[in-house]
């Protein structure tokens, strides 16, 4: 779909001379690049852990996202420069009807793609496809802005509308790049899960039979894989076999509630806290904290 729209918009950008259409063309070009990079990143991230990568390859998705961000940033800068140059030189667009028709086709095609992606998300729960779906939703706005720019400039006589919308598209691309980079950096820096998700995990962990409280919870996300580790207090008189059964049951319950999460539990006699590696004196985990 992206390749089809790329060819169509390239023709329209050449025919109309529209900066807004050029911005939409650049966005579609990077849709193609992003899809290829995402395909490689997701494929690599899905590889199982091996001898050299014991935690898997999930961060390949974040690295692929940073490559996309760099490409999008360059594109936004080029469009911004072209739009400012158009404002200064006072060039005009032409063939508005053709440009509007191409944008209308792009909007319809994007709707079809979004519908297909939603079916895939419903069947697989893929985080990567969900992110791609959100990105293509922004394409609807971009294509709509091209139509508005051409109508205002050629039919309403508002000279300069096209480069102004081109600037808006460039800023929109830059904002999308910033958001994508923030998410990728969060993964690479092992940022904790969102507070609400972390709270639900703590509630369930504290409710496990045999646990008398948990502490020192650490969470992170790597690609489509989640990791959680914590210490749990148990009866000091419990046998190793009994403790093993409790841990096995707790890990099964937590992994069922948080699919795809790898859970590691360390047991402590009730009241004991291992200080090594802690960042605070009181790390008892409750739903409120």
Protein backbone atom coordinates (compact mmCIF):
# COMPACT_ATOMS: atom_id res chain seq x y z
CA UNK A 1 0.00 0.00 0.00
CA UNK A 2 2.81 2.40 0.90
CA UNK A 3 4.61 1.68 -2.38
CA UNK A 4 1.42 2.35 -4.35
CA UNK A 5 0.87 5.67 -2.54
CA UNK A 6 4.53 6.58 -3.00
CA UNK A 7 4.28 6.37 -6.79
CA UNK A 8 0.95 8.19 -6.87
CA UNK A 9 2.11 11.07 -4.67
CA UNK A 10 5.42 11.43 -6.50
CA UNK A 11 3.47 12.02 -9.70
CA UNK A 12 1.15 14.48 -7.95
CA UNK A 13 4.02 16.40 -6.29
CA UNK A 14 5.77 16.75 -9.66
CA UNK A 15 2.56 17.83 -11.42
CA UNK A 16 1.27 20.32 -8.83
CA UNK A 17 4.51 21.69 -7.37
CA UNK A 18 2.80 21.66 -3.97
CA UNK A 19 5.01 21.78 -0.88
CA UNK A 20 2.22 20.21 1.16
CA UNK A 21 2.03 17.36 -1.34
CA UNK A 22 5.83 17.08 -1.18
CA UNK A 23 5.55 16.75 2.59
CA UNK A 24 2.92 14.03 2.22
CA UNK A 25 5.17 12.29 -0.34
CA UNK A 26 8.11 12.38 2.06
CA UNK A 27 5.96 10.94 4.84
CA UNK A 28 4.88 8.08 2.56
CA UNK A 29 8.50 7.47 1.51
CA UNK A 30 9.44 7.09 5.13
CA UNK A 31 6.41 4.84 5.66
CA UNK A 32 8.09 2.45 3.23
CA UNK A 33 11.46 2.76 4.98
CA UNK A 34 9.82 2.47 8.40
CA UNK A 35 7.94 -0.66 7.38
CA UNK A 36 11.14 -2.32 6.14
CA UNK A 37 13.11 -1.28 9.22
CA UNK A 38 10.27 -2.35 11.52
CA UNK A 39 10.03 -5.69 9.73
CA UNK A 40 13.72 -6.33 10.29
CA UNK A 41 13.63 -5.07 13.88
CA UNK A 42 10.56 -7.09 14.85
CA UNK A 43 11.93 -10.18 13.12
CA UNK A 44 15.23 -9.86 15.00
CA UNK A 45 13.50 -9.04 18.29
CA UNK A 46 11.38 -12.20 17.95
CA UNK A 47 14.46 -14.42 17.90
CA UNK A 48 14.79 -16.48 21.08
CA UNK A 49 17.52 -15.86 23.60
CA UNK A 50 20.88 -17.37 22.72
CA UNK A 51 24.27 -17.82 24.35
CA UNK A 52 25.37 -14.23 23.66
CA UNK A 53 21.96 -12.60 24.32
CA UNK A 54 20.52 -14.27 27.42
CA UNK A 55 17.73 -11.68 27.72
CA UNK A 56 16.69 -12.08 24.08
CA UNK A 57 16.88 -9.57 21.24
CA UNK A 58 13.92 -7.35 22.14
CA UNK A 59 15.88 -4.09 22.09
CA UNK A 60 16.35 -4.48 18.34
CA UNK A 61 12.89 -2.87 18.01
CA UNK A 62 14.06 0.22 19.89
CA UNK A 63 17.22 0.46 17.80
CA UNK A 64 15.15 0.18 14.62
CA UNK A 65 12.87 2.94 15.91
CA UNK A 66 15.85 5.26 16.43
CA UNK A 67 16.94 4.70 12.83
CA UNK A 68 13.41 5.67 11.72
CA UNK A 69 13.53 8.77 13.91
CA UNK A 70 16.76 9.91 12.27
CA UNK A 71 15.27 9.48 8.79
CA UNK A 72 12.07 11.32 9.72
CA UNK A 73 14.03 14.19 11.29
CA UNK A 74 16.03 14.69 8.09
CA UNK A 75 12.81 14.61 6.06
CA UNK A 76 11.13 17.20 8.30
CA UNK A 77 14.12 19.53 8.04
CA UNK A 78 14.15 19.27 4.22
CA UNK A 79 10.41 19.98 3.95
CA UNK A 80 10.69 22.92 6.34
CA UNK A 81 13.51 24.42 4.27
CA UNK A 82 11.54 23.94 1.04
CA UNK A 83 8.42 25.53 2.54
CA UNK A 84 10.30 28.58 3.85
CA UNK A 85 12.00 28.97 0.47
CA UNK A 86 8.59 28.87 -1.24
CA UNK A 87 7.25 31.58 1.09
CA UNK A 88 10.22 33.79 0.25
CA UNK A 89 10.16 33.18 -3.51
CA UNK A 90 6.37 33.32 -3.85
CA UNK A 91 6.02 30.31 -6.18
CA UNK A 92 2.58 28.96 -7.01
CA UNK A 93 0.98 25.52 -7.21
CA UNK A 94 -0.98 24.22 -10.17
CA UNK A 95 -3.31 21.35 -11.03
CA UNK A 96 -5.18 21.45 -7.73
CA UNK A 97 -7.86 19.04 -8.97
CA UNK A 98 -5.26 16.35 -9.62
CA UNK A 99 -3.58 16.85 -6.25
CA UNK A 100 -6.93 16.73 -4.44
CA UNK A 101 -7.90 13.55 -6.29
CA UNK A 102 -4.63 11.85 -5.36
CA UNK A 103 -5.05 12.85 -1.71
CA UNK A 104 -8.61 11.50 -1.71
CA UNK A 105 -7.36 8.17 -3.08
CA UNK A 106 -4.64 8.15 -0.42
CA UNK A 107 -7.23 8.73 2.33
CA UNK A 108 -9.41 5.86 1.07
CA UNK A 109 -6.39 3.54 0.76
CA UNK A 110 -5.25 4.42 4.27
CA UNK A 111 -8.71 3.65 5.65
CA UNK A 112 -8.51 0.19 4.06
CA UNK A 113 -5.03 -0.36 5.49
CA UNK A 114 -6.13 0.73 8.97
CA UNK A 115 -9.06 -1.71 8.85
CA UNK A 116 -6.71 -4.55 7.88
CA UNK A 117 -4.25 -3.61 10.63
CA UNK A 118 -7.01 -3.63 13.24
CA UNK A 119 -7.86 -7.20 12.23
CA UNK A 120 -4.22 -8.20 12.63
CA UNK A 121 -4.00 -6.50 16.03
CA UNK A 122 -7.15 -8.29 17.20
CA UNK A 123 -5.69 -11.66 16.17
CA UNK A 124 -2.10 -11.21 17.34
CA UNK A 125 -2.02 -8.38 19.89
CA UNK A 126 1.16 -7.13 18.18
CA UNK A 127 2.56 -3.99 19.81
CA UNK A 128 4.55 -3.15 16.67
CA UNK A 129 1.50 -3.30 14.41
CA UNK A 130 -0.47 -1.23 16.91
CA UNK A 131 2.21 1.48 16.78
CA UNK A 132 2.18 1.33 12.98
CA UNK A 133 -1.59 1.67 13.05
CA UNK A 134 -1.31 4.85 15.12
CA UNK A 135 1.25 6.22 12.65
CA UNK A 136 -1.01 5.61 9.66
CA UNK A 137 -3.87 7.35 11.46
CA UNK A 138 -1.72 10.51 11.32
CA UNK A 139 -1.47 10.02 7.55
CA UNK A 140 -5.19 10.77 7.33
CA UNK A 141 -4.48 14.19 8.81
CA UNK A 142 -1.57 14.79 6.44
CA UNK A 143 -3.57 13.91 3.33
CA UNK A 144 -6.49 16.01 4.54
CA UNK A 145 -4.20 18.99 5.09
CA UNK A 146 -2.93 18.70 1.51
CA UNK A 147 -6.49 18.96 0.21
CA UNK A 148 -7.17 22.02 2.40
CA UNK A 149 -3.91 23.69 1.31
CA UNK A 150 -4.65 23.23 -2.40
CA UNK A 151 -8.23 24.43 -2.04
CA UNK A 152 -7.23 27.55 -0.10
CA UNK A 153 -4.42 28.50 -2.47
CA UNK A 154 -5.97 27.79 -5.86
CA UNK A 155 -9.71 28.18 -5.29
CA UNK A 156 -9.89 30.63 -2.37
CA UNK A 157 -6.95 32.69 -3.63
CA UNK A 158 -5.01 32.59 -0.37
CA UNK A 159 -1.44 32.78 -1.64
CA UNK A 160 1.06 31.14 0.70
CA UNK A 161 -1.41 28.62 2.11
CA UNK A 162 0.47 25.70 0.57
CA UNK A 163 3.91 26.43 2.10
CA UNK A 164 2.28 27.27 5.44
CA UNK A 165 0.65 23.84 5.48
CA UNK A 166 4.00 22.41 4.39
CA UNK A 167 5.59 23.94 7.48
CA UNK A 168 2.81 22.45 9.60
CA UNK A 169 3.45 19.00 8.12
CA UNK A 170 7.19 19.32 8.78
CA UNK A 171 6.52 20.23 12.42
CA UNK A 172 4.06 17.32 12.68
CA UNK A 173 6.74 14.92 11.41
CA UNK A 174 9.27 16.35 13.87
CA UNK A 175 6.81 15.89 16.75
CA UNK A 176 6.20 12.27 15.71
CA UNK A 177 9.96 11.68 15.57
CA UNK A 178 10.35 13.12 19.08
CA UNK A 179 7.64 10.84 20.48
CA UNK A 180 9.10 7.77 18.80
CA UNK A 181 12.59 8.59 20.07
CA UNK A 182 11.30 9.02 23.64
CA UNK A 183 9.68 5.57 23.60
CA UNK A 184 12.77 3.94 22.09
CA UNK A 185 15.11 5.60 24.60
CA UNK A 186 12.84 4.52 27.47
CA UNK A 187 13.27 0.91 26.38
CA UNK A 188 17.01 1.20 25.89
CA UNK A 189 17.34 2.82 29.34
CA UNK A 190 15.18 0.10 30.97
CA UNK A 191 12.53 2.52 32.19
CA UNK A 192 10.05 1.07 34.69
CA UNK A 193 6.59 0.00 33.54
CA UNK A 194 3.82 2.63 33.58
CA UNK A 195 2.58 3.25 37.12
CA UNK A 196 -0.87 1.73 36.57
CA UNK A 197 0.56 -1.50 35.15
CA UNK A 198 3.11 -1.68 37.94
CA UNK A 199 0.38 -1.19 40.54
CA UNK A 200 -1.69 -4.07 39.13
CA UNK A 201 1.40 -6.30 39.20
CA UNK A 202 2.08 -5.41 42.86
CA UNK A 203 -1.52 -6.14 43.82
CA UNK A 204 -1.43 -9.57 42.25
CA UNK A 205 2.03 -10.41 43.59
CA UNK A 206 1.04 -9.47 47.15
CA UNK A 207 -2.07 -11.66 46.84
CA UNK A 208 -0.13 -14.86 46.09
CA UNK A 209 -0.57 -17.67 48.61
CA UNK A 210 2.43 -18.05 50.92
CA UNK A 211 3.79 -14.54 50.32
CA UNK A 212 3.89 -12.18 53.29
CA UNK A 213 4.74 -9.09 51.27
CA UNK A 214 7.08 -8.21 48.46
CA UNK A 215 9.83 -5.64 48.03
CA UNK A 216 12.55 -4.46 45.62
CA UNK A 217 10.37 -4.79 42.51
CA UNK A 218 12.15 -3.97 39.25
CA UNK A 219 10.47 -3.95 35.85
CA UNK A 220 11.52 -3.19 32.29
CA UNK A 221 10.43 -3.76 28.70
CA UNK A 222 12.52 -4.99 25.79
CA UNK A 223 10.66 -5.04 22.49
CA UNK A 224 7.56 -7.17 22.97
CA UNK A 225 9.02 -8.82 26.08
CA UNK A 226 8.48 -7.68 29.67
CA UNK A 227 10.70 -8.50 32.62
CA UNK A 228 9.82 -8.28 36.31
CA UNK A 229 11.85 -9.34 39.33
CA UNK A 230 11.21 -8.89 43.04
CA UNK A 231 11.89 -10.26 46.50
CA UNK A 232 9.09 -11.95 48.46
CA UNK A 233 8.90 -12.62 52.18
CA UNK A 234 7.87 -16.11 53.25
CA UNK A 235 7.65 -18.07 56.51
CA UNK A 236 11.26 -18.61 57.73
CA UNK A 237 10.35 -22.16 58.82
CA UNK A 238 9.21 -23.18 55.34
CA UNK A 239 11.12 -25.99 53.64
CA UNK A 240 12.91 -25.44 50.33
CA UNK A 241 10.43 -27.77 48.61
CA UNK A 242 7.45 -25.82 49.95
CA UNK A 243 9.03 -22.50 48.94
CA UNK A 244 9.71 -23.86 45.46
CA UNK A 245 6.05 -24.81 45.00
CA UNK A 246 4.92 -21.36 46.14
CA UNK A 247 7.28 -19.62 43.72
CA UNK A 248 6.21 -21.84 40.82
CA UNK A 249 2.52 -21.10 41.47
CA UNK A 250 3.19 -17.35 41.82
CA UNK A 251 5.21 -17.18 38.60
CA UNK A 252 2.50 -19.06 36.70
CA UNK A 253 -0.24 -16.72 38.02
CA UNK A 254 1.74 -13.56 37.23
CA UNK A 255 2.73 -14.72 33.75
CA UNK A 256 -0.89 -15.64 33.01
CA UNK A 257 -2.03 -12.16 34.04
CA UNK A 258 0.84 -10.46 32.19
CA UNK A 259 1.36 -12.51 29.00
CA UNK A 260 4.88 -12.39 27.61
CA UNK A 261 6.40 -11.30 30.92
CA UNK A 262 9.40 -13.12 32.36
CA UNK A 263 9.12 -13.17 36.17
CA UNK A 264 12.03 -13.82 38.53
CA UNK A 265 11.32 -14.14 42.26
CA UNK A 266 13.87 -14.18 45.09
CA UNK A 267 12.67 -15.42 48.48
CA UNK A 268 13.62 -13.85 51.82
CA UNK A 269 12.74 -14.92 55.35
CA UNK A 270 9.97 -12.66 56.57
CA UNK A 271 11.32 -9.29 57.67
CA UNK A 272 14.75 -9.62 56.05
CA UNK A 273 15.79 -7.13 53.35
CA UNK A 274 18.87 -7.55 51.19
CA UNK A 275 20.47 -4.10 50.87
CA UNK A 276 22.65 -4.79 47.85
CA UNK A 277 21.62 -2.77 44.80
CA UNK A 278 18.73 -0.97 46.49
CA UNK A 279 18.06 2.72 45.84
CA UNK A 280 15.98 3.44 48.96
CA UNK A 281 15.84 2.29 52.55
CA UNK A 282 12.19 1.20 52.40
CA UNK A 283 11.33 -0.83 49.32
CA UNK A 284 8.25 -2.65 50.58
CA UNK A 285 5.93 -2.81 47.58
CA UNK A 286 2.26 -2.04 48.13
CA UNK A 287 -0.44 -1.01 45.60
CA UNK A 288 -0.17 2.54 46.94
CA UNK A 289 3.59 2.78 46.27
